[in-house]
Amino acid sequence: MENRIDYQKHAELLKSLAHPVRLEIVHGLLSVGCRNVRCMESHTGVSQSCISQHLQRLRAAGVVVADRVGNEVYYRAASREVAALVAALMEEEATAYVV
């Protein structure tokens, strides 16, 4: 049986990361561990509404997942594939990331 590469899936992942704010959010989730919107807002300087819109796109693409704890929503990278891709872009080691 032949292993087929899902180019469409990989292209969608790249498109979801192809914005500086989304890339910064995902990199922050992986390296800093900043997991809620308030923390992301203070680290990026981007407004809460803008971060929320980008998180919505990242969630729809399966790049991040959200966990609700009480009134707070905490985000994390969805997979090691995302971590590996971001590590390659940032010239870092994916083993240092929180997944």
Protein backbone atom coordinates (compact mmCIF):
# COMPACT_ATOMS: atom_id res chain seq x y z
CA MET A 1 0.00 0.00 0.00
CA GLU A 2 1.36 3.37 -1.03
CA ASN A 3 1.62 6.21 1.51
CA ARG A 4 0.10 9.26 -0.09
CA ILE A 5 1.11 12.71 1.05
CA ASP A 6 -1.84 14.96 1.85
CA TYR A 7 -0.59 18.16 0.24
CA GLN A 8 -3.90 19.92 0.85
CA LYS A 9 -3.65 19.31 4.60
CA HIS A 10 -0.07 20.57 4.73
CA ALA A 11 -0.94 23.64 2.66
CA GLU A 12 -3.83 24.48 5.02
CA LEU A 13 -1.49 24.23 8.01
CA LEU A 14 0.99 26.58 6.32
CA LYS A 15 -1.79 29.04 5.41
CA SER A 16 -3.04 29.11 8.98
CA LEU A 17 0.45 30.08 10.19
CA ALA A 18 1.08 32.54 7.35
CA HIS A 19 0.28 35.63 9.40
CA PRO A 20 2.76 37.26 11.79
CA VAL A 21 0.30 37.48 14.69
CA ARG A 22 -0.84 33.86 14.35
CA LEU A 23 2.75 32.68 14.11
CA GLU A 24 3.65 34.72 17.20
CA ILE A 25 0.67 33.27 19.10
CA VAL A 26 1.60 29.69 18.26
CA HIS A 27 5.27 30.28 18.98
CA GLY A 28 4.30 31.79 22.33
CA LEU A 29 2.12 28.82 23.17
CA LEU A 30 4.99 26.48 22.41
CA SER A 31 7.88 28.35 23.98
CA VAL A 32 6.60 30.71 26.65
CA GLY A 33 3.60 28.70 27.75
CA CYS A 34 1.37 31.77 27.61
CA ARG A 35 -1.97 30.06 27.36
CA ASN A 36 -4.85 32.50 27.81
CA VAL A 37 -5.85 35.56 25.79
CA ARG A 38 -4.93 38.02 28.57
CA CYS A 39 -1.38 36.65 28.71
CA MET A 40 -1.09 36.67 24.90
CA GLU A 41 -2.29 40.26 24.84
CA SER A 42 0.43 41.38 27.26
CA HIS A 43 3.19 39.48 25.41
CA THR A 44 2.23 40.54 21.89
CA GLY A 45 0.79 44.03 22.40
CA VAL A 46 -2.12 43.02 20.17
CA SER A 47 -5.70 43.70 21.29
CA GLN A 48 -7.85 40.99 22.87
CA SER A 49 -10.35 41.08 20.00
CA CYS A 50 -7.61 40.68 17.39
CA ILE A 51 -6.04 37.75 19.29
CA SER A 52 -9.45 36.11 19.63
CA GLN A 53 -10.05 36.35 15.89
CA HIS A 54 -6.67 34.80 15.13
CA LEU A 55 -7.24 32.05 17.71
CA GLN A 56 -10.57 31.27 16.05
CA ARG A 57 -8.79 30.73 12.73
CA LEU A 58 -6.07 28.63 14.38
CA ARG A 59 -8.69 26.47 16.11
CA ALA A 60 -10.62 25.98 12.85
CA ALA A 61 -7.40 24.83 11.17
CA GLY A 62 -6.65 22.42 14.01
CA VAL A 63 -3.43 24.22 14.96
CA VAL A 64 -4.50 24.95 18.54
CA VAL A 65 -7.01 23.41 20.91
CA ALA A 66 -8.81 25.08 23.78
CA ASP A 67 -9.57 23.85 27.28
CA ARG A 68 -12.05 25.63 29.52
CA VAL A 69 -11.30 25.85 33.24
CA GLY A 70 -14.06 27.78 34.98
CA ASN A 71 -14.40 31.10 33.17
CA GLU A 72 -10.95 30.91 31.61
CA VAL A 73 -10.07 29.35 28.26
CA TYR A 74 -6.54 28.00 27.91
CA TYR A 75 -4.98 27.25 24.55
CA ARG A 76 -2.23 24.86 23.52
CA ALA A 77 -0.66 23.63 20.31
CA ALA A 78 -2.62 20.75 18.87
CA SER A 79 0.21 18.50 17.74
CA ARG A 80 3.89 17.74 17.53
CA GLU A 81 3.62 18.38 13.78
CA VAL A 82 2.80 22.03 14.53
CA ALA A 83 5.70 22.19 17.02
CA ALA A 84 8.11 20.71 14.48
CA LEU A 85 7.06 23.17 11.79
CA VAL A 86 7.36 26.21 14.07
CA ALA A 87 10.71 24.95 15.39
CA ALA A 88 12.01 24.68 11.83
CA LEU A 89 10.82 28.20 11.00
CA MET A 90 12.36 29.66 14.16
CA GLU A 91 15.52 27.57 13.91
CA GLU A 92 14.85 26.12 17.38
CA GLU A 93 14.57 22.64 18.82
CA ALA A 94 11.02 21.31 19.04
CA THR A 95 12.06 19.26 22.09
CA ALA A 96 12.20 22.50 24.11
CA TYR A 97 8.55 23.28 23.33
CA VAL A 98 5.51 22.59 25.45
CA VAL A 99 3.02 20.53 23.45
